[in-house]
Amino acid sequence: MANSKDADVKVYTEMTGYAAEMTSRKMKLANGVTAEQITKKVDATGGKLKAIAGVKAQLATLVDEKNALCKDLLDLRKKLREGVKGVYGDNSAEYQAVGGVRASERKKPVRKPK
């Protein structure tokens, strides 16, 4: 199934061509559809498609910036815990207070029988 973006661009392109054909052939339809009506709607649609593309580009930039900031926060959290662990130890209340798991509370490894 094609996504809606592809379908929107396809109908926009298609109708642009139809409007040009109607204008070049000076077609008049009995149901009242005119090349001018089509051109007006095509222009409005094209403007909205361009606006949407611009917003999507801005969103992509903001998401990239947010991802970089989150990565920096994760690195900072790691350094914070390492610093607390170095000063107070990995079994301290301070280490637990910054999100670390105390060494005494960690699950002991289980040996597999041979």
PDB file of N, CA and C in Angstrom:
ATOM      1  N   MET A   1       0.845  -1.171   0.000  1.00  0.00           N
ATOM      2  CA  MET A   1       0.000   0.000   0.000  1.00  0.00           C
ATOM      3  C   MET A   1       0.895   1.240   0.000  1.00  0.00           C
ATOM      4  N   ALA A   2       0.644   2.156  -0.919  1.00  0.00           N
ATOM      5  CA  ALA A   2       1.415   3.391  -0.994  1.00  0.00           C
ATOM      6  C   ALA A   2       1.006   4.300   0.163  1.00  0.00           C
ATOM      7  N   ASN A   3       1.986   5.044   0.660  1.00  0.00           N
ATOM      8  CA  ASN A   3       1.623   5.950   1.753  1.00  0.00           C
ATOM      9  C   ASN A   3       0.917   7.179   1.203  1.00  0.00           C
ATOM     10  N   SER A   4       0.283   7.926   2.081  1.00  0.00           N
ATOM     11  CA  SER A   4      -0.549   9.053   1.648  1.00  0.00           C
ATOM     12  C   SER A   4       0.276  10.149   0.984  1.00  0.00           C
ATOM     13  N   LYS A   5       1.527  10.314   1.382  1.00  0.00           N
ATOM     14  CA  LYS A   5       2.367  11.339   0.772  1.00  0.00           C
ATOM     15  C   LYS A   5       2.528  11.053  -0.715  1.00  0.00           C
ATOM     16  N   ASP A   6       2.832   9.811  -1.044  1.00  0.00           N
ATOM     17  CA  ASP A   6       2.997   9.440  -2.446  1.00  0.00           C
ATOM     18  C   ASP A   6       1.694   9.628  -3.214  1.00  0.00           C
ATOM     19  N   ALA A   7       0.592   9.266  -2.627  1.00  0.00           N
ATOM     20  CA  ALA A   7      -0.709   9.403  -3.279  1.00  0.00           C
ATOM     21  C   ALA A   7      -1.049  10.876  -3.482  1.00  0.00           C
ATOM     22  N   ASP A   8      -0.741  11.719  -2.515  1.00  0.00           N
ATOM     23  CA  ASP A   8      -1.021  13.148  -2.624  1.00  0.00           C
ATOM     24  C   ASP A   8      -0.201  13.774  -3.750  1.00  0.00           C
ATOM     25  N   VAL A   9       1.075  13.443  -3.787  1.00  0.00           N
ATOM     26  CA  VAL A   9       1.944  13.994  -4.830  1.00  0.00           C
ATOM     27  C   VAL A   9       1.508  13.476  -6.194  1.00  0.00           C
ATOM     28  N   LYS A  10       1.096  12.227  -6.244  1.00  0.00           N
ATOM     29  CA  LYS A  10       0.659  11.647  -7.514  1.00  0.00           C
ATOM     30  C   LYS A  10      -0.585  12.364  -8.049  1.00  0.00           C
ATOM     31  N   VAL A  11      -1.592  12.561  -7.209  1.00  0.00           N
ATOM     32  CA  VAL A  11      -2.811  13.229  -7.666  1.00  0.00           C
ATOM     33  C   VAL A  11      -2.522  14.691  -8.005  1.00  0.00           C
ATOM     34  N   TYR A  12      -1.632  15.341  -7.269  1.00  0.00           N
ATOM     35  CA  TYR A  12      -1.242  16.726  -7.561  1.00  0.00           C
ATOM     36  C   TYR A  12      -0.611  16.812  -8.950  1.00  0.00           C
ATOM     37  N   THR A  13       0.342  15.920  -9.216  1.00  0.00           N
ATOM     38  CA  THR A  13       1.017  15.901 -10.512  1.00  0.00           C
ATOM     39  C   THR A  13       0.044  15.582 -11.641  1.00  0.00           C
ATOM     40  N   GLU A  14      -0.800  14.601 -11.394  1.00  0.00           N
ATOM     41  CA  GLU A  14      -1.781  14.184 -12.386  1.00  0.00           C
ATOM     42  C   GLU A  14      -2.726  15.334 -12.747  1.00  0.00           C
ATOM     43  N   MET A  15      -3.247  16.006 -11.746  1.00  0.00           N
ATOM     44  CA  MET A  15      -4.203  17.085 -11.989  1.00  0.00           C
ATOM     45  C   MET A  15      -3.534  18.304 -12.632  1.00  0.00           C
ATOM     46  N   THR A  16      -2.257  18.532 -12.329  1.00  0.00           N
ATOM     47  CA  THR A  16      -1.517  19.600 -12.993  1.00  0.00           C
ATOM     48  C   THR A  16      -1.460  19.334 -14.495  1.00  0.00           C
ATOM     49  N   GLY A  17      -1.187  18.094 -14.854  1.00  0.00           N
ATOM     50  CA  GLY A  17      -1.149  17.714 -16.268  1.00  0.00           C
ATOM     51  C   GLY A  17      -2.510  17.856 -16.928  1.00  0.00           C
ATOM     52  N   TYR A  18      -3.558  17.448 -16.219  1.00  0.00           N
ATOM     53  CA  TYR A  18      -4.912  17.567 -16.791  1.00  0.00           C
ATOM     54  C   TYR A  18      -5.287  19.024 -17.029  1.00  0.00           C
ATOM     55  N   ALA A  19      -4.948  19.889 -16.109  1.00  0.00           N
ATOM     56  CA  ALA A  19      -5.259  21.311 -16.267  1.00  0.00           C
ATOM     57  C   ALA A  19      -4.528  21.874 -17.485  1.00  0.00           C
ATOM     58  N   ALA A  20      -3.278  21.482 -17.662  1.00  0.00           N
ATOM     59  CA  ALA A  20      -2.510  21.958 -18.818  1.00  0.00           C
ATOM     60  C   ALA A  20      -3.132  21.452 -20.121  1.00  0.00           C
ATOM     61  N   GLU A  21      -3.539  20.187 -20.136  1.00  0.00           N
ATOM     62  CA  GLU A  21      -4.177  19.621 -21.329  1.00  0.00           C
ATOM     63  C   GLU A  21      -5.483  20.337 -21.647  1.00  0.00           C
ATOM     64  N   MET A  22      -6.289  20.573 -20.625  1.00  0.00           N
ATOM     65  CA  MET A  22      -7.571  21.256 -20.852  1.00  0.00           C
ATOM     66  C   MET A  22      -7.348  22.662 -21.404  1.00  0.00           C
ATOM     67  N   THR A  23      -6.322  23.333 -20.884  1.00  0.00           N
ATOM     68  CA  THR A  23      -6.031  24.688 -21.348  1.00  0.00           C
ATOM     69  C   THR A  23      -5.529  24.671 -22.790  1.00  0.00           C
ATOM     70  N   SER A  24      -4.593  23.765 -23.094  1.00  0.00           N
ATOM     71  CA  SER A  24      -4.025  23.739 -24.446  1.00  0.00           C
ATOM     72  C   SER A  24      -5.046  23.314 -25.495  1.00  0.00           C
ATOM     73  N   ARG A  25      -5.970  22.457 -25.119  1.00  0.00           N
ATOM     74  CA  ARG A  25      -6.989  21.983 -26.076  1.00  0.00           C
ATOM     75  C   ARG A  25      -8.266  22.833 -26.034  1.00  0.00           C
ATOM     76  N   LYS A  26      -8.286  23.809 -25.133  1.00  0.00           N
ATOM     77  CA  LYS A  26      -9.471  24.671 -24.964  1.00  0.00           C
ATOM     78  C   LYS A  26     -10.734  23.845 -24.753  1.00  0.00           C
ATOM     79  N   MET A  27     -10.605  22.876 -23.851  1.00  0.00           N
ATOM     80  CA  MET A  27     -11.724  21.969 -23.579  1.00  0.00           C
ATOM     81  C   MET A  27     -12.776  22.646 -22.714  1.00  0.00           C
ATOM     82  N   LYS A  28     -14.040  22.369 -23.035  1.00  0.00           N
ATOM     83  CA  LYS A  28     -15.165  22.831 -22.222  1.00  0.00           C
ATOM     84  C   LYS A  28     -16.002  21.596 -21.909  1.00  0.00           C
ATOM     85  N   LEU A  29     -16.213  21.363 -20.638  1.00  0.00           N
ATOM     86  CA  LEU A  29     -16.960  20.183 -20.230  1.00  0.00           C
ATOM     87  C   LEU A  29     -18.387  20.552 -19.868  1.00  0.00           C
ATOM     88  N   ALA A  30     -19.291  19.637 -20.123  1.00  0.00           N
ATOM     89  CA  ALA A  30     -20.711  19.873 -19.857  1.00  0.00           C
ATOM     90  C   ALA A  30     -21.005  19.970 -18.358  1.00  0.00           C
ATOM     91  N   ASN A  31     -20.188  19.326 -17.536  1.00  0.00           N
ATOM     92  CA  ASN A  31     -20.468  19.333 -16.098  1.00  0.00           C
ATOM     93  C   ASN A  31     -19.920  20.583 -15.397  1.00  0.00           C
ATOM     94  N   GLY A  32     -19.321  21.477 -16.138  1.00  0.00           N
ATOM     95  CA  GLY A  32     -18.886  22.746 -15.567  1.00  0.00           C
ATOM     96  C   GLY A  32     -17.470  22.752 -15.013  1.00  0.00           C
ATOM     97  N   VAL A  33     -16.747  21.647 -15.085  1.00  0.00           N
ATOM     98  CA  VAL A  33     -15.370  21.612 -14.608  1.00  0.00           C
ATOM     99  C   VAL A  33     -14.504  22.371 -15.610  1.00  0.00           C
ATOM    100  N   THR A  34     -13.729  23.325 -15.081  1.00  0.00           N
ATOM    101  CA  THR A  34     -12.887  24.140 -15.955  1.00  0.00           C
ATOM    102  C   THR A  34     -11.416  23.986 -15.581  1.00  0.00           C
ATOM    103  N   ALA A  35     -10.565  24.333 -16.529  1.00  0.00           N
ATOM    104  CA  ALA A  35      -9.129  24.291 -16.274  1.00  0.00           C
ATOM    105  C   ALA A  35      -8.763  25.277 -15.167  1.00  0.00           C
ATOM    106  N   GLU A  36      -9.467  26.392 -15.111  1.00  0.00           N
ATOM    107  CA  GLU A  36      -9.196  27.398 -14.079  1.00  0.00           C
ATOM    108  C   GLU A  36      -9.496  26.846 -12.680  1.00  0.00           C
ATOM    109  N   GLN A  37     -10.605  26.101 -12.555  1.00  0.00           N
ATOM    110  CA  GLN A  37     -10.940  25.485 -11.256  1.00  0.00           C
ATOM    111  C   GLN A  37      -9.847  24.514 -10.830  1.00  0.00           C
ATOM    112  N   ILE A  38      -9.432  23.704 -11.777  1.00  0.00           N
ATOM    113  CA  ILE A  38      -8.397  22.706 -11.473  1.00  0.00           C
ATOM    114  C   ILE A  38      -7.102  23.412 -11.097  1.00  0.00           C
ATOM    115  N   THR A  39      -6.716  24.418 -11.870  1.00  0.00           N
ATOM    116  CA  THR A  39      -5.470  25.141 -11.603  1.00  0.00           C
ATOM    117  C   THR A  39      -5.505  25.796 -10.226  1.00  0.00           C
ATOM    118  N   LYS A  40      -6.628  26.371  -9.864  1.00  0.00           N
ATOM    119  CA  LYS A  40      -6.760  27.011  -8.555  1.00  0.00           C
ATOM    120  C   LYS A  40      -6.573  25.991  -7.426  1.00  0.00           C
ATOM    121  N   LYS A  41      -7.220  24.846  -7.556  1.00  0.00           N
ATOM    122  CA  LYS A  41      -7.098  23.802  -6.522  1.00  0.00           C
ATOM    123  C   LYS A  41      -5.693  23.205  -6.506  1.00  0.00           C
ATOM    124  N   VAL A  42      -5.099  23.029  -7.699  1.00  0.00           N
ATOM    125  CA  VAL A  42      -3.742  22.483  -7.788  1.00  0.00           C
ATOM    126  C   VAL A  42      -2.754  23.433  -7.111  1.00  0.00           C
ATOM    127  N   ASP A  43      -2.904  24.733  -7.355  1.00  0.00           N
ATOM    128  CA  ASP A  43      -2.004  25.713  -6.736  1.00  0.00           C
ATOM    129  C   ASP A  43      -2.140  25.700  -5.212  1.00  0.00           C
ATOM    130  N   ALA A  44      -3.376  25.626  -4.730  1.00  0.00           N
ATOM    131  CA  ALA A  44      -3.598  25.578  -3.283  1.00  0.00           C
ATOM    132  C   ALA A  44      -2.992  24.311  -2.679  1.00  0.00           C
ATOM    133  N   THR A  45      -3.186  23.199  -3.375  1.00  0.00           N
ATOM    134  CA  THR A  45      -2.646  21.927  -2.898  1.00  0.00           C
ATOM    135  C   THR A  45      -1.123  21.953  -2.902  1.00  0.00           C
ATOM    136  N   GLY A  46      -0.549  22.502  -3.977  1.00  0.00           N
ATOM    137  CA  GLY A  46       0.916  22.599  -4.056  1.00  0.00           C
ATOM    138  C   GLY A  46       1.484  23.423  -2.918  1.00  0.00           C
ATOM    139  N   GLY A  47       0.805  24.507  -2.577  1.00  0.00           N
ATOM    140  CA  GLY A  47       1.259  25.330  -1.451  1.00  0.00           C
ATOM    141  C   GLY A  47       1.242  24.567  -0.144  1.00  0.00           C
ATOM    142  N   LYS A  48       0.181  23.788   0.056  1.00  0.00           N
ATOM    143  CA  LYS A  48       0.083  23.003   1.297  1.00  0.00           C
ATOM    144  C   LYS A  48       1.142  21.902   1.328  1.00  0.00           C
ATOM    145  N   LEU A  49       1.392  21.261   0.195  1.00  0.00           N
ATOM    146  CA  LEU A  49       2.413  20.207   0.143  1.00  0.00           C
ATOM    147  C   LEU A  49       3.792  20.779   0.455  1.00  0.00           C
ATOM    148  N   LYS A  50       4.081  21.974  -0.068  1.00  0.00           N
ATOM    149  CA  LYS A  50       5.366  22.620   0.220  1.00  0.00           C
ATOM    150  C   LYS A  50       5.466  23.010   1.683  1.00  0.00           C
ATOM    151  N   ALA A  51       4.374  23.508   2.245  1.00  0.00           N
ATOM    152  CA  ALA A  51       4.371  23.885   3.663  1.00  0.00           C
ATOM    153  C   ALA A  51       4.598  22.661   4.551  1.00  0.00           C
ATOM    154  N   ILE A  52       3.949  21.576   4.192  1.00  0.00           N
ATOM    155  CA  ILE A  52       4.108  20.326   4.959  1.00  0.00           C
ATOM    156  C   ILE A  52       5.542  19.837   4.863  1.00  0.00           C
ATOM    157  N   ALA A  53       6.126  19.905   3.667  1.00  0.00           N
ATOM    158  CA  ALA A  53       7.519  19.479   3.498  1.00  0.00           C
ATOM    159  C   ALA A  53       8.449  20.328   4.363  1.00  0.00           C
ATOM    160  N   GLY A  54       8.170  21.622   4.436  1.00  0.00           N
ATOM    161  CA  GLY A  54       8.987  22.502   5.277  1.00  0.00           C
ATOM    162  C   GLY A  54       8.883  22.164   6.748  1.00  0.00           C
ATOM    163  N   VAL A  55       7.667  21.897   7.198  1.00  0.00           N
ATOM    164  CA  VAL A  55       7.461  21.527   8.604  1.00  0.00           C
ATOM    165  C   VAL A  55       8.140  20.195   8.909  1.00  0.00           C
ATOM    166  N   LYS A  56       8.049  19.256   7.975  1.00  0.00           N
ATOM    167  CA  LYS A  56       8.712  17.958   8.179  1.00  0.00           C
ATOM    168  C   LYS A  56      10.222  18.119   8.263  1.00  0.00           C
ATOM    169  N   ALA A  57      10.783  19.011   7.443  1.00  0.00           N
ATOM    170  CA  ALA A  57      12.225  19.261   7.497  1.00  0.00           C
ATOM    171  C   ALA A  57      12.607  19.869   8.845  1.00  0.00           C
ATOM    172  N   GLN A  58      11.793  20.809   9.327  1.00  0.00           N
ATOM    173  CA  GLN A  58      12.053  21.412  10.643  1.00  0.00           C
ATOM    174  C   GLN A  58      11.948  20.358  11.737  1.00  0.00           C
ATOM    175  N   LEU A  59      10.949  19.499  11.628  1.00  0.00           N
ATOM    176  CA  LEU A  59      10.769  18.447  12.625  1.00  0.00           C
ATOM    177  C   LEU A  59      11.965  17.501  12.636  1.00  0.00           C
ATOM    178  N   ALA A  60      12.443  17.126  11.456  1.00  0.00           N
ATOM    179  CA  ALA A  60      13.601  16.234  11.374  1.00  0.00           C
ATOM    180  C   ALA A  60      14.822  16.869  12.028  1.00  0.00           C
ATOM    181  N   THR A  61      15.003  18.172  11.802  1.00  0.00           N
ATOM    182  CA  THR A  61      16.125  18.881  12.422  1.00  0.00           C
ATOM    183  C   THR A  61      15.978  18.905  13.944  1.00  0.00           C
ATOM    184  N   LEU A  62      14.775  19.202  14.420  1.00  0.00           N
ATOM    185  CA  LEU A  62      14.541  19.234  15.866  1.00  0.00           C
ATOM    186  C   LEU A  62      14.740  17.860  16.504  1.00  0.00           C
ATOM    187  N   VAL A  63      14.306  16.810  15.827  1.00  0.00           N
ATOM    188  CA  VAL A  63      14.483  15.454  16.353  1.00  0.00           C
ATOM    189  C   VAL A  63      15.969  15.109  16.428  1.00  0.00           C
ATOM    190  N   ASP A  64      16.731  15.479  15.401  1.00  0.00           N
ATOM    191  CA  ASP A  64      18.179  15.232  15.426  1.00  0.00           C
ATOM    192  C   ASP A  64      18.845  15.973  16.582  1.00  0.00           C
ATOM    193  N   GLU A  65      18.448  17.238  16.788  1.00  0.00           N
ATOM    194  CA  GLU A  65      19.001  18.022  17.894  1.00  0.00           C
ATOM    195  C   GLU A  65      18.625  17.411  19.246  1.00  0.00           C
ATOM    196  N   LYS A  66      17.358  16.973  19.362  1.00  0.00           N
ATOM    197  CA  LYS A  66      16.903  16.338  20.606  1.00  0.00           C
ATOM    198  C   LYS A  66      17.687  15.062  20.868  1.00  0.00           C
ATOM    199  N   ASN A  67      17.920  14.254  19.834  1.00  0.00           N
ATOM    200  CA  ASN A  67      18.663  13.006  19.996  1.00  0.00           C
ATOM    201  C   ASN A  67      20.093  13.273  20.453  1.00  0.00           C
ATOM    202  N   ALA A  68      20.715  14.301  19.902  1.00  0.00           N
ATOM    203  CA  ALA A  68      22.075  14.651  20.317  1.00  0.00           C
ATOM    204  C   ALA A  68      22.098  15.093  21.778  1.00  0.00           C
ATOM    205  N   LEU A  69      21.118  15.895  22.176  1.00  0.00           N
ATOM    206  CA  LEU A  69      21.054  16.341  23.574  1.00  0.00           C
ATOM    207  C   LEU A  69      20.811  15.171  24.525  1.00  0.00           C
ATOM    208  N   CYS A  70      19.945  14.247  24.134  1.00  0.00           N
ATOM    209  CA  CYS A  70      19.685  13.069  24.978  1.00  0.00           C
ATOM    210  C   CYS A  70      20.932  12.211  25.106  1.00  0.00           C
ATOM    211  N   LYS A  71      21.691  12.073  24.022  1.00  0.00           N
ATOM    212  CA  LYS A  71      22.944  11.313  24.087  1.00  0.00           C
ATOM    213  C   LYS A  71      23.907  11.986  25.059  1.00  0.00           C
ATOM    214  N   ASP A  72      23.980  13.323  24.992  1.00  0.00           N
ATOM    215  CA  ASP A  72      24.836  14.059  25.922  1.00  0.00           C
ATOM    216  C   ASP A  72      24.389  13.839  27.368  1.00  0.00           C
ATOM    217  N   LEU A  73      23.069  13.822  27.599  1.00  0.00           N
ATOM    218  CA  LEU A  73      22.558  13.575  28.957  1.00  0.00           C
ATOM    219  C   LEU A  73      22.922  12.173  29.436  1.00  0.00           C
ATOM    220  N   LEU A  74      22.805  11.194  28.545  1.00  0.00           N
ATOM    221  CA  LEU A  74      23.167   9.825  28.932  1.00  0.00           C
ATOM    222  C   LEU A  74      24.653   9.723  29.275  1.00  0.00           C
ATOM    223  N   ASP A  75      25.498  10.390  28.490  1.00  0.00           N
ATOM    224  CA  ASP A  75      26.928  10.397  28.782  1.00  0.00           C
ATOM    225  C   ASP A  75      27.208  11.085  30.123  1.00  0.00           C
ATOM    226  N   LEU A  76      26.499  12.182  30.373  1.00  0.00           N
ATOM    227  CA  LEU A  76      26.669  12.907  31.629  1.00  0.00           C
ATOM    228  C   LEU A  76      26.218  12.058  32.818  1.00  0.00           C
ATOM    229  N   ARG A  77      25.111  11.313  32.637  1.00  0.00           N
ATOM    230  CA  ARG A  77      24.643  10.430  33.710  1.00  0.00           C
ATOM    231  C   ARG A  77      25.694   9.365  34.027  1.00  0.00           C
ATOM    232  N   LYS A  78      26.288   8.818  32.969  1.00  0.00           N
ATOM    233  CA  LYS A  78      27.320   7.798  33.159  1.00  0.00           C
ATOM    234  C   LYS A  78      28.514   8.371  33.921  1.00  0.00           C
ATOM    235  N   LYS A  79      28.945   9.578  33.536  1.00  0.00           N
ATOM    236  CA  LYS A  79      30.074  10.208  34.222  1.00  0.00           C
ATOM    237  C   LYS A  79      29.735  10.528  35.674  1.00  0.00           C
ATOM    238  N   LEU A  80      28.478  10.971  35.919  1.00  0.00           N
ATOM    239  CA  LEU A  80      28.033  11.266  37.281  1.00  0.00           C
ATOM    240  C   LEU A  80      28.133  10.012  38.149  1.00  0.00           C
ATOM    241  N   ARG A  81      27.601   8.919  37.648  1.00  0.00           N
ATOM    242  CA  ARG A  81      27.636   7.674  38.435  1.00  0.00           C
ATOM    243  C   ARG A  81      29.070   7.184  38.642  1.00  0.00           C
ATOM    244  N   GLU A  82      29.890   7.310  37.608  1.00  0.00           N
ATOM    245  CA  GLU A  82      31.286   6.894  37.756  1.00  0.00           C
ATOM    246  C   GLU A  82      32.002   7.741  38.802  1.00  0.00           C
ATOM    247  N   GLY A  83      31.698   9.056  38.807  1.00  0.00           N
ATOM    248  CA  GLY A  83      32.319   9.941  39.790  1.00  0.00           C
ATOM    249  C   GLY A  83      31.890   9.616  41.201  1.00  0.00           C
ATOM    250  N   VAL A  84      30.593   9.389  41.401  1.00  0.00           N
ATOM    251  CA  VAL A  84      30.085   9.033  42.733  1.00  0.00           C
ATOM    252  C   VAL A  84      30.653   7.689  43.165  1.00  0.00           C
ATOM    253  N   LYS A  85      30.728   6.745  42.231  1.00  0.00           N
ATOM    254  CA  LYS A  85      31.271   5.412  42.531  1.00  0.00           C
ATOM    255  C   LYS A  85      32.744   5.516  42.944  1.00  0.00           C
ATOM    256  N   GLY A  86      33.499   6.404  42.256  1.00  0.00           N
ATOM    257  CA  GLY A  86      34.917   6.577  42.583  1.00  0.00           C
ATOM    258  C   GLY A  86      35.139   7.198  43.944  1.00  0.00           C
ATOM    259  N   VAL A  87      34.275   8.116  44.340  1.00  0.00           N
ATOM    260  CA  VAL A  87      34.447   8.819  45.619  1.00  0.00           C
ATOM    261  C   VAL A  87      33.835   8.032  46.772  1.00  0.00           C
ATOM    262  N   TYR A  88      32.611   7.545  46.588  1.00  0.00           N
ATOM    263  CA  TYR A  88      31.875   6.929  47.700  1.00  0.00           C
ATOM    264  C   TYR A  88      31.822   5.396  47.635  1.00  0.00           C
ATOM    265  N   GLY A  89      32.173   4.818  46.505  1.00  0.00           N
ATOM    266  CA  GLY A  89      32.140   3.361  46.367  1.00  0.00           C
ATOM    267  C   GLY A  89      30.830   2.892  45.760  1.00  0.00           C
ATOM    268  N   ASP A  90      30.865   1.639  45.255  1.00  0.00           N
ATOM    269  CA  ASP A  90      29.680   1.119  44.565  1.00  0.00           C
ATOM    270  C   ASP A  90      28.680   0.451  45.505  1.00  0.00           C
ATOM    271  N   ASN A  91      28.924   0.536  46.814  1.00  0.00           N
ATOM    272  CA  ASN A  91      27.967  -0.027  47.773  1.00  0.00           C
ATOM    273  C   ASN A  91      27.424   1.065  48.700  1.00  0.00           C
ATOM    274  N   SER A  92      27.525   2.323  48.247  1.00  0.00           N
ATOM    275  CA  SER A  92      27.146   3.443  49.112  1.00  0.00           C
ATOM    276  C   SER A  92      25.714   3.913  48.834  1.00  0.00           C
ATOM    277  N   ALA A  93      25.155   4.611  49.807  1.00  0.00           N
ATOM    278  CA  ALA A  93      23.827   5.211  49.647  1.00  0.00           C
ATOM    279  C   ALA A  93      23.872   6.327  48.602  1.00  0.00           C
ATOM    280  N   GLU A  94      25.009   7.019  48.506  1.00  0.00           N
ATOM    281  CA  GLU A  94      25.155   8.080  47.506  1.00  0.00           C
ATOM    282  C   GLU A  94      25.081   7.514  46.086  1.00  0.00           C
ATOM    283  N   TYR A  95      25.724   6.371  45.874  1.00  0.00           N
ATOM    284  CA  TYR A  95      25.689   5.713  44.561  1.00  0.00           C
ATOM    285  C   TYR A  95      24.259   5.297  44.225  1.00  0.00           C
ATOM    286  N   GLN A  96      23.558   4.789  45.218  1.00  0.00           N
ATOM    287  CA  GLN A  96      22.160   4.403  45.013  1.00  0.00           C
ATOM    288  C   GLN A  96      21.296   5.648  44.742  1.00  0.00           C
ATOM    289  N   ALA A  97      21.619   6.761  45.399  1.00  0.00           N
ATOM    290  CA  ALA A  97      20.839   7.988  45.234  1.00  0.00           C
ATOM    291  C   ALA A  97      20.923   8.545  43.813  1.00  0.00           C
ATOM    292  N   VAL A  98      22.013   8.263  43.091  1.00  0.00           N
ATOM    293  CA  VAL A  98      22.148   8.744  41.716  1.00  0.00           C
ATOM    294  C   VAL A  98      21.772   7.655  40.705  1.00  0.00           C
ATOM    295  N   GLY A  99      21.046   6.642  41.169  1.00  0.00           N
ATOM    296  CA  GLY A  99      20.502   5.636  40.259  1.00  0.00           C
ATOM    297  C   GLY A  99      21.308   4.376  40.113  1.00  0.00           C
ATOM    298  N   GLY A 100      22.423   4.271  40.806  1.00  0.00           N
ATOM    299  CA  GLY A 100      23.230   3.050  40.734  1.00  0.00           C
ATOM    300  C   GLY A 100      22.641   1.955  41.607  1.00  0.00           C
ATOM    301  N   VAL A 101      22.991   0.730  41.308  1.00  0.00           N
ATOM    302  CA  VAL A 101      22.548  -0.401  42.124  1.00  0.00           C
ATOM    303  C   VAL A 101      23.722  -0.796  43.013  1.00  0.00           C
ATOM    304  N   ARG A 102      23.476  -0.804  44.302  1.00  0.00           N
ATOM    305  CA  ARG A 102      24.528  -1.159  45.255  1.00  0.00           C
ATOM    306  C   ARG A 102      25.076  -2.549  44.963  1.00  0.00           C
ATOM    307  N   ALA A 103      26.362  -2.703  45.188  1.00  0.00           N
ATOM    308  CA  ALA A 103      27.014  -3.986  44.938  1.00  0.00           C
ATOM    309  C   ALA A 103      26.382  -5.091  45.780  1.00  0.00           C
ATOM    310  N   SER A 104      25.976  -4.760  47.001  1.00  0.00           N
ATOM    311  CA  SER A 104      25.393  -5.772  47.887  1.00  0.00           C
ATOM    312  C   SER A 104      23.989  -6.180  47.443  1.00  0.00           C
ATOM    313  N   GLU A 105      23.358  -5.388  46.580  1.00  0.00           N
ATOM    314  CA  GLU A 105      21.999  -5.696  46.131  1.00  0.00           C
ATOM    315  C   GLU A 105      21.961  -6.353  44.754  1.00  0.00           C
ATOM    316  N   ARG A 106      23.113  -6.505  44.139  1.00  0.00           N
ATOM    317  CA  ARG A 106      23.153  -7.132  42.817  1.00  0.00           C
ATOM    318  C   ARG A 106      22.992  -8.640  42.950  1.00  0.00           C
ATOM    319  N   LYS A 107      22.384  -9.215  41.948  1.00  0.00           N
ATOM    320  CA  LYS A 107      22.186 -10.663  41.946  1.00  0.00           C
ATOM    321  C   LYS A 107      23.537 -11.343  41.748  1.00  0.00           C
ATOM    322  N   LYS A 108      23.796 -12.307  42.579  1.00  0.00           N
ATOM    323  CA  LYS A 108      25.064 -13.042  42.479  1.00  0.00           C
ATOM    324  C   LYS A 108      25.021 -13.974  41.263  1.00  0.00           C
ATOM    325  N   PRO A 109      26.125 -14.086  40.546  1.00  0.00           N
ATOM    326  CA  PRO A 109      26.148 -14.983  39.391  1.00  0.00           C
ATOM    327  C   PRO A 109      25.985 -16.444  39.824  1.00  0.00           C
ATOM    328  N   VAL A 110      25.289 -17.208  39.036  1.00  0.00           N
ATOM    329  CA  VAL A 110      25.078 -18.625  39.322  1.00  0.00           C
ATOM    330  C   VAL A 110      25.936 -19.433  38.371  1.00  0.00           C
ATOM    331  N   ARG A 111      26.691 -20.370  38.959  1.00  0.00           N
ATOM    332  CA  ARG A 111      27.519 -21.231  38.113  1.00  0.00           C
ATOM    333  C   ARG A 111      26.669 -22.339  37.512  1.00  0.00           C
ATOM    334  N   LYS A 112      26.964 -22.612  36.271  1.00  0.00           N
ATOM    335  CA  LYS A 112      26.259 -23.711  35.606  1.00  0.00           C
ATOM    336  C   LYS A 112      26.949 -25.015  35.972  1.00  0.00           C
ATOM    337  N   PRO A 113      26.145 -26.049  36.263  1.00  0.00           N
ATOM    338  CA  PRO A 113      26.771 -27.349  36.588  1.00  0.00           C
ATOM    339  C   PRO A 113      27.414 -27.944  35.348  1.00  0.00           C
ATOM    340  N   LYS A 114      28.490 -28.679  35.593  1.00  0.00           N
ATOM    341  CA  LYS A 114      29.201 -29.299  34.462  1.00  0.00           C
ATOM    342  C   LYS A 114      28.597 -30.593  34.048  1.00  0.00           C
TER     343      LYS A 114
END
